Amino acid sequence: MSFRIQGLAPKAFEHLFGLDQAALRAHHARRVVADQAPGYPDRIQLRDAMPGESLLLLNYTHQPAANPYRASHAIYLLEGSTSAYDECDQVPPALALRTLSVRAFDACDELIDGDLVEGADLPALVNRLFANQNAAYLHAHYARYGCFAARIDRA
């Protein structure tokens, strides 16, 4: 079964790019500089930042549903990104390196299934979860810290 993974749209965060630390604090965000790789998985390009690259650390509502599954968590964004990852049937680098928690949601944004998988094995789990016709979309999270990684849709 074909699937599509997209990074977050950079346009939604452009207003934060280039702000000084005081202005970022007003948005409950801060700038960090990657000091190792891997270690700072960007949610726009879905790759790890390289040492010296600037990122923004901020809270992001990845599940805006008006139900008990509404959720947000801290994420990293490569500052200045202009285009997002958008591929079908490929596992982006930041996901391939890590253990993932993948959660299936129905059309009413209710959690209906989930499992853990090593990132390189993600396609098999995506196929299994999407075999359930009630699965409208999936959310991948980095299992170690619980952070939102990416949304996965049927292609």
Protein backbone atom coordinates (compact mmCIF):
# COMPACT_ATOMS: atom_id res chain seq x y z
CA MET A 1 0.00 0.00 0.00
CA SER A 2 1.35 3.39 -0.94
CA PHE A 3 1.87 6.05 1.73
CA ARG A 4 2.95 9.69 1.87
CA ILE A 5 5.03 11.43 4.52
CA GLN A 6 5.24 15.21 4.60
CA GLY A 7 7.25 17.51 6.81
CA LEU A 8 5.59 20.50 8.41
CA ALA A 9 5.02 23.49 6.13
CA PRO A 10 7.72 26.10 6.84
CA LYS A 11 5.33 28.97 6.06
CA ALA A 12 3.55 28.33 9.37
CA PHE A 13 6.78 29.13 11.24
CA GLU A 14 8.38 31.87 9.10
CA HIS A 15 7.31 34.54 11.59
CA LEU A 16 9.70 32.97 14.12
CA PHE A 17 12.75 32.69 11.87
CA GLY A 18 15.38 35.28 12.76
CA LEU A 19 13.75 36.53 15.96
CA ASP A 20 16.07 37.26 18.86
CA GLN A 21 15.90 35.11 21.99
CA ALA A 22 13.69 37.58 23.88
CA ALA A 23 11.15 37.64 21.05
CA LEU A 24 11.28 33.84 20.79
CA ARG A 25 10.58 33.55 24.54
CA ALA A 26 7.41 35.59 23.99
CA HIS A 27 6.35 32.75 21.64
CA HIS A 28 7.41 30.10 24.19
CA ALA A 29 10.27 29.09 21.89
CA ARG A 30 14.04 29.25 21.85
CA ARG A 31 16.93 28.91 19.42
CA VAL A 32 19.40 26.06 19.77
CA VAL A 33 22.46 25.14 17.74
CA ALA A 34 23.03 21.50 16.91
CA ASP A 35 26.20 20.20 18.56
CA GLN A 36 25.99 16.62 17.27
CA ALA A 37 24.33 14.55 14.58
CA PRO A 38 22.10 12.74 14.96
CA GLY A 39 20.38 14.44 17.83
CA TYR A 40 18.19 17.27 16.55
CA PRO A 41 15.50 15.88 14.23
CA ASP A 42 13.89 18.63 12.17
CA ARG A 43 10.16 18.33 11.48
CA ILE A 44 10.22 20.30 8.22
CA GLN A 45 12.89 18.54 6.16
CA LEU A 46 12.68 15.36 8.30
CA ARG A 47 16.43 15.11 8.67
CA ASP A 48 18.78 15.63 11.58
CA ALA A 49 20.45 19.02 11.81
CA MET A 50 24.18 19.02 11.26
CA PRO A 51 26.49 20.48 13.95
CA GLY A 52 26.38 24.26 13.77
CA GLU A 53 22.92 24.47 12.20
CA SER A 54 20.38 26.66 13.97
CA LEU A 55 17.03 25.27 15.05
CA LEU A 56 13.99 26.55 16.87
CA LEU A 57 12.62 24.51 19.77
CA LEU A 58 8.92 25.15 20.30
CA ASN A 59 5.68 23.52 21.33
CA TYR A 60 3.55 22.28 18.45
CA THR A 61 -0.04 21.03 18.51
CA HIS A 62 0.24 17.97 16.29
CA GLN A 63 -3.20 16.62 17.16
CA PRO A 64 -5.64 19.57 17.24
CA ALA A 65 -8.73 17.33 17.59
CA ALA A 66 -11.45 18.53 19.92
CA ASN A 67 -11.41 15.25 21.83
CA PRO A 68 -9.30 13.53 24.51
CA TYR A 69 -6.54 12.81 21.95
CA ARG A 70 -5.72 16.50 21.47
CA ALA A 71 -1.94 16.72 21.93
CA SER A 72 1.13 18.91 21.65
CA HIS A 73 4.82 18.48 22.39
CA ALA A 74 8.19 20.13 21.80
CA ILE A 75 9.65 19.88 18.29
CA TYR A 76 12.76 21.13 16.49
CA LEU A 77 12.57 23.13 13.26
CA LEU A 78 15.55 23.98 11.06
CA GLU A 79 15.54 27.74 11.04
CA GLY A 80 15.15 29.26 7.60
CA SER A 81 13.77 26.14 5.93
CA THR A 82 11.87 26.99 2.77
CA SER A 83 10.63 23.58 1.63
CA ALA A 84 9.26 20.55 3.40
CA TYR A 85 9.97 16.87 2.91
CA ASP A 86 7.26 15.31 0.73
CA GLU A 87 7.77 11.76 -0.54
CA CYS A 88 5.74 8.65 -1.18
CA ASP A 89 6.80 5.18 -0.05
CA GLN A 90 10.07 6.49 1.44
CA VAL A 91 11.19 6.70 5.06
CA PRO A 92 12.91 10.05 5.67
CA PRO A 93 16.33 10.01 7.34
CA ALA A 94 15.25 11.33 10.75
CA LEU A 95 12.61 8.59 11.06
CA ALA A 96 14.75 5.78 9.65
CA LEU A 97 17.34 6.19 12.44
CA ARG A 98 15.01 5.87 15.40
CA THR A 99 12.50 3.66 17.16
CA LEU A 100 9.03 5.01 16.42
CA SER A 101 5.64 4.84 18.04
CA VAL A 102 3.06 4.91 15.26
CA ARG A 103 -0.57 5.66 16.07
CA ALA A 104 -3.57 5.18 13.77
CA PHE A 105 -6.50 7.59 13.94
CA ASP A 106 -9.94 7.32 12.36
CA ALA A 107 -11.87 10.06 10.53
CA CYS A 108 -13.15 11.37 13.89
CA ASP A 109 -9.56 11.73 15.16
CA GLU A 110 -10.02 8.84 17.59
CA LEU A 111 -7.07 6.54 18.29
CA ILE A 112 -7.81 3.07 16.92
CA ASP A 113 -4.43 1.28 16.86
CA GLY A 114 -0.73 1.74 17.38
CA ASP A 115 2.58 -0.05 17.66
CA LEU A 116 6.34 0.38 18.01
CA VAL A 117 8.73 -0.13 15.10
CA GLU A 118 12.33 0.51 14.16
CA GLY A 119 12.29 3.32 11.62
CA ALA A 120 13.83 1.27 8.82
CA ASP A 121 10.90 -1.16 9.18
CA LEU A 122 8.23 1.56 9.08
CA PRO A 123 6.69 0.59 5.70
CA ALA A 124 5.56 -2.82 7.00
CA LEU A 125 3.82 -1.25 10.00
CA VAL A 126 2.22 1.44 7.82
CA ASN A 127 0.82 -1.29 5.57
CA ARG A 128 -0.54 -3.21 8.55
CA LEU A 129 -2.18 -0.15 10.12
CA PHE A 130 -3.65 1.07 6.83
CA ALA A 131 -5.06 -2.42 6.17
CA ASN A 132 -7.72 -1.28 8.63
CA GLN A 133 -10.07 0.74 6.41
CA ASN A 134 -11.04 2.86 9.44
CA ALA A 135 -7.49 4.21 9.70
CA ALA A 136 -7.68 7.69 8.17
CA TYR A 137 -4.10 8.76 8.98
CA LEU A 138 -1.13 7.89 11.15
CA HIS A 139 1.09 9.87 13.49
CA ALA A 140 4.70 8.82 13.99
CA HIS A 141 6.39 9.81 17.24
CA TYR A 142 9.98 9.34 18.35
CA ALA A 143 9.49 6.61 20.93
CA ARG A 144 12.36 7.58 23.22
CA TYR A 145 11.13 11.09 24.00
CA GLY A 146 7.55 10.88 22.74
CA CYS A 147 7.88 13.85 20.37
CA PHE A 148 5.76 14.11 17.23
CA ALA A 149 7.81 13.17 14.17
CA ALA A 150 5.47 13.26 11.16
CA ARG A 151 2.03 12.53 9.80
CA ILE A 152 1.57 9.65 7.39
CA ASP A 153 -1.29 9.53 4.90
CA ARG A 154 -2.42 7.10 2.24
CA ALA A 155 -0.93 8.08 -1.11
